[in-house]
Amino acid sequence: MNYSTHQEINELKGHMSLTFEQDKSFEGFCERNFPNYKSSRYEAIALRVFYGKELVVTLYAVDRDRRDRNESEKLPVKKFKTSGLSLAGVLPFIKELNFTLTTGAPGSDDIEVINK
């Protein structure tokens, strides 16, 4: 099987995991960095980070009041967005960051390391 594409790659995709410091939490991070976010009303469920010309962090949080009255199968979430965060402001919350990015080449999800 030939895995070489012989083309310029300009995009990698993957999954990422983040572990907060022991004395810090996702909820605490959200309350500190997103105006109007209150853990008594919302439950943070997702975080999107975009870095381009600026750093934009978007938080998706379930509205607890609306969830209890919701008849839809979809979760009612509120989107909180900020571009006021700096990497220096985020790093103190992070204990570990782990991610792997791939080109999406056939078989890249099922690889075998041969140089052990």
C-alpha atoms as a PDB file:
ATOM      1  CA  MET A   1       0.000   0.000   0.000  1.00  0.00           C
ATOM      2  CA  ASN A   2       1.447   3.401  -0.982  1.00  0.00           C
ATOM      3  CA  TYR A   3       1.049   6.102   1.702  1.00  0.00           C
ATOM      4  CA  SER A   4       2.993   8.856  -0.034  1.00  0.00           C
ATOM      5  CA  THR A   5       0.809  11.652  -1.392  1.00  0.00           C
ATOM      6  CA  HIS A   6       3.591  13.713  -3.022  1.00  0.00           C
ATOM      7  CA  GLN A   7       1.623  16.869  -2.360  1.00  0.00           C
ATOM      8  CA  GLU A   8       2.151  19.796  -0.045  1.00  0.00           C
ATOM      9  CA  ILE A   9       0.336  19.309   3.268  1.00  0.00           C
ATOM     10  CA  ASN A  10      -1.060  22.492   4.828  1.00  0.00           C
ATOM     11  CA  GLU A  11      -3.579  21.147   7.352  1.00  0.00           C
ATOM     12  CA  LEU A  12      -3.340  18.636  10.188  1.00  0.00           C
ATOM     13  CA  LYS A  13      -6.287  17.447  12.273  1.00  0.00           C
ATOM     14  CA  GLY A  14      -6.640  15.459  15.446  1.00  0.00           C
ATOM     15  CA  HIS A  15      -7.788  15.190  19.023  1.00  0.00           C
ATOM     16  CA  MET A  16      -6.501  16.875  22.141  1.00  0.00           C
ATOM     17  CA  SER A  17      -6.696  16.332  25.886  1.00  0.00           C
ATOM     18  CA  LEU A  18      -6.104  18.882  28.619  1.00  0.00           C
ATOM     19  CA  THR A  19      -5.671  18.291  32.347  1.00  0.00           C
ATOM     20  CA  PHE A  20      -6.115  21.182  34.758  1.00  0.00           C
ATOM     21  CA  GLU A  21      -3.777  21.750  37.692  1.00  0.00           C
ATOM     22  CA  GLN A  22      -4.927  20.002  40.884  1.00  0.00           C
ATOM     23  CA  ASP A  23      -5.950  23.234  42.620  1.00  0.00           C
ATOM     24  CA  LYS A  24      -7.629  24.629  39.483  1.00  0.00           C
ATOM     25  CA  SER A  25     -10.760  23.444  37.701  1.00  0.00           C
ATOM     26  CA  PHE A  26     -12.545  23.867  34.395  1.00  0.00           C
ATOM     27  CA  GLU A  27     -15.408  25.637  36.197  1.00  0.00           C
ATOM     28  CA  GLY A  28     -12.985  27.988  37.939  1.00  0.00           C
ATOM     29  CA  PHE A  29     -11.266  28.760  34.639  1.00  0.00           C
ATOM     30  CA  CYS A  30     -14.629  29.521  33.041  1.00  0.00           C
ATOM     31  CA  GLU A  31     -15.815  31.776  35.864  1.00  0.00           C
ATOM     32  CA  ARG A  32     -12.557  33.705  35.837  1.00  0.00           C
ATOM     33  CA  ASN A  33     -12.295  34.209  32.087  1.00  0.00           C
ATOM     34  CA  PHE A  34     -15.839  34.482  30.707  1.00  0.00           C
ATOM     35  CA  PRO A  35     -17.945  37.435  31.858  1.00  0.00           C
ATOM     36  CA  ASN A  36     -21.512  36.445  32.848  1.00  0.00           C
ATOM     37  CA  TYR A  37     -20.594  32.764  33.287  1.00  0.00           C
ATOM     38  CA  LYS A  38     -21.859  31.483  36.634  1.00  0.00           C
ATOM     39  CA  SER A  39     -21.444  27.800  37.526  1.00  0.00           C
ATOM     40  CA  SER A  40     -24.676  27.971  39.524  1.00  0.00           C
ATOM     41  CA  ARG A  41     -26.600  28.570  36.290  1.00  0.00           C
ATOM     42  CA  TYR A  42     -24.431  26.949  33.603  1.00  0.00           C
ATOM     43  CA  GLU A  43     -22.531  23.689  33.185  1.00  0.00           C
ATOM     44  CA  ALA A  44     -19.452  24.028  30.985  1.00  0.00           C
ATOM     45  CA  ILE A  45     -19.262  21.195  28.452  1.00  0.00           C
ATOM     46  CA  ALA A  46     -16.929  22.259  25.629  1.00  0.00           C
ATOM     47  CA  LEU A  47     -14.098  24.648  24.883  1.00  0.00           C
ATOM     48  CA  ARG A  48     -12.973  25.710  21.420  1.00  0.00           C
ATOM     49  CA  VAL A  49      -9.661  27.499  20.887  1.00  0.00           C
ATOM     50  CA  PHE A  50      -8.852  29.313  17.668  1.00  0.00           C
ATOM     51  CA  TYR A  51      -5.499  30.905  17.049  1.00  0.00           C
ATOM     52  CA  GLY A  52      -4.985  33.014  13.950  1.00  0.00           C
ATOM     53  CA  LYS A  53      -4.616  36.779  13.882  1.00  0.00           C
ATOM     54  CA  GLU A  54      -5.875  36.642  17.473  1.00  0.00           C
ATOM     55  CA  LEU A  55      -6.579  34.057  20.161  1.00  0.00           C
ATOM     56  CA  VAL A  56     -10.335  33.395  20.405  1.00  0.00           C
ATOM     57  CA  VAL A  57     -11.644  31.034  23.068  1.00  0.00           C
ATOM     58  CA  THR A  58     -15.268  29.923  22.932  1.00  0.00           C
ATOM     59  CA  LEU A  59     -17.030  28.176  25.804  1.00  0.00           C
ATOM     60  CA  TYR A  60     -20.200  26.146  25.343  1.00  0.00           C
ATOM     61  CA  ALA A  61     -22.238  25.687  28.507  1.00  0.00           C
ATOM     62  CA  VAL A  62     -25.583  24.038  29.207  1.00  0.00           C
ATOM     63  CA  ASP A  63     -28.176  26.411  30.628  1.00  0.00           C
ATOM     64  CA  ARG A  64     -29.421  24.406  33.628  1.00  0.00           C
ATOM     65  CA  ASP A  65     -32.802  26.194  33.751  1.00  0.00           C
ATOM     66  CA  ARG A  66     -33.531  25.616  30.081  1.00  0.00           C
ATOM     67  CA  ARG A  67     -32.256  22.024  30.200  1.00  0.00           C
ATOM     68  CA  ASP A  68     -34.832  21.175  32.869  1.00  0.00           C
ATOM     69  CA  ARG A  69     -37.661  22.629  30.732  1.00  0.00           C
ATOM     70  CA  ASN A  70     -36.288  21.406  27.403  1.00  0.00           C
ATOM     71  CA  GLU A  71     -38.380  18.979  25.360  1.00  0.00           C
ATOM     72  CA  SER A  72     -35.913  18.760  22.468  1.00  0.00           C
ATOM     73  CA  GLU A  73     -33.319  16.004  22.212  1.00  0.00           C
ATOM     74  CA  LYS A  74     -30.596  18.622  21.751  1.00  0.00           C
ATOM     75  CA  LEU A  75     -28.838  20.315  24.651  1.00  0.00           C
ATOM     76  CA  PRO A  76     -29.624  24.018  25.042  1.00  0.00           C
ATOM     77  CA  VAL A  77     -26.221  25.677  25.302  1.00  0.00           C
ATOM     78  CA  LYS A  78     -25.069  29.244  25.640  1.00  0.00           C
ATOM     79  CA  LYS A  79     -21.958  30.321  23.797  1.00  0.00           C
ATOM     80  CA  PHE A  80     -19.473  32.512  25.648  1.00  0.00           C
ATOM     81  CA  LYS A  81     -16.708  33.995  23.541  1.00  0.00           C
ATOM     82  CA  THR A  82     -13.625  35.958  24.460  1.00  0.00           C
ATOM     83  CA  SER A  83     -10.626  37.256  22.599  1.00  0.00           C
ATOM     84  CA  GLY A  84      -9.203  38.861  25.735  1.00  0.00           C
ATOM     85  CA  LEU A  85      -7.250  35.815  26.870  1.00  0.00           C
ATOM     86  CA  SER A  86      -3.538  35.477  26.413  1.00  0.00           C
ATOM     87  CA  LEU A  87      -1.603  32.247  26.349  1.00  0.00           C
ATOM     88  CA  ALA A  88       0.167  33.463  29.498  1.00  0.00           C
ATOM     89  CA  GLY A  89      -3.233  33.755  31.200  1.00  0.00           C
ATOM     90  CA  VAL A  90      -4.241  30.218  30.259  1.00  0.00           C
ATOM     91  CA  LEU A  91      -1.031  28.295  31.009  1.00  0.00           C
ATOM     92  CA  PRO A  92      -1.220  28.548  34.837  1.00  0.00           C
ATOM     93  CA  PHE A  93      -4.425  26.458  34.724  1.00  0.00           C
ATOM     94  CA  ILE A  94      -2.910  23.647  32.650  1.00  0.00           C
ATOM     95  CA  LYS A  95      -1.095  20.676  34.130  1.00  0.00           C
ATOM     96  CA  GLU A  96      -0.853  18.620  30.933  1.00  0.00           C
ATOM     97  CA  LEU A  97      -1.651  19.106  27.285  1.00  0.00           C
ATOM     98  CA  ASN A  98      -1.571  16.149  24.924  1.00  0.00           C
ATOM     99  CA  PHE A  99      -2.484  15.983  21.266  1.00  0.00           C
ATOM    100  CA  THR A 100      -1.648  14.204  18.048  1.00  0.00           C
ATOM    101  CA  LEU A 101      -2.265  15.738  14.655  1.00  0.00           C
ATOM    102  CA  THR A 102      -2.299  13.775  11.410  1.00  0.00           C
ATOM    103  CA  THR A 103      -2.508  14.487   7.724  1.00  0.00           C
ATOM    104  CA  GLY A 104      -5.542  12.238   7.466  1.00  0.00           C
ATOM    105  CA  ALA A 105      -3.622   9.852   5.201  1.00  0.00           C
ATOM    106  CA  PRO A 106      -5.246   6.447   4.781  1.00  0.00           C
ATOM    107  CA  GLY A 107      -4.367   4.307   7.776  1.00  0.00           C
ATOM    108  CA  SER A 108      -3.192   7.194   9.980  1.00  0.00           C
ATOM    109  CA  ASP A 109      -5.737   6.164  12.630  1.00  0.00           C
ATOM    110  CA  ASP A 110      -4.327   2.632  12.681  1.00  0.00           C
ATOM    111  CA  ILE A 111      -0.539   2.908  12.756  1.00  0.00           C
ATOM    112  CA  GLU A 112       2.170   0.601  14.055  1.00  0.00           C
ATOM    113  CA  VAL A 113       5.428   2.052  15.404  1.00  0.00           C
ATOM    114  CA  ILE A 114       8.271  -0.043  13.981  1.00  0.00           C
ATOM    115  CA  ASN A 115      11.360   1.573  15.575  1.00  0.00           C
ATOM    116  CA  LYS A 116      10.790   0.525  19.217  1.00  0.00           C
END
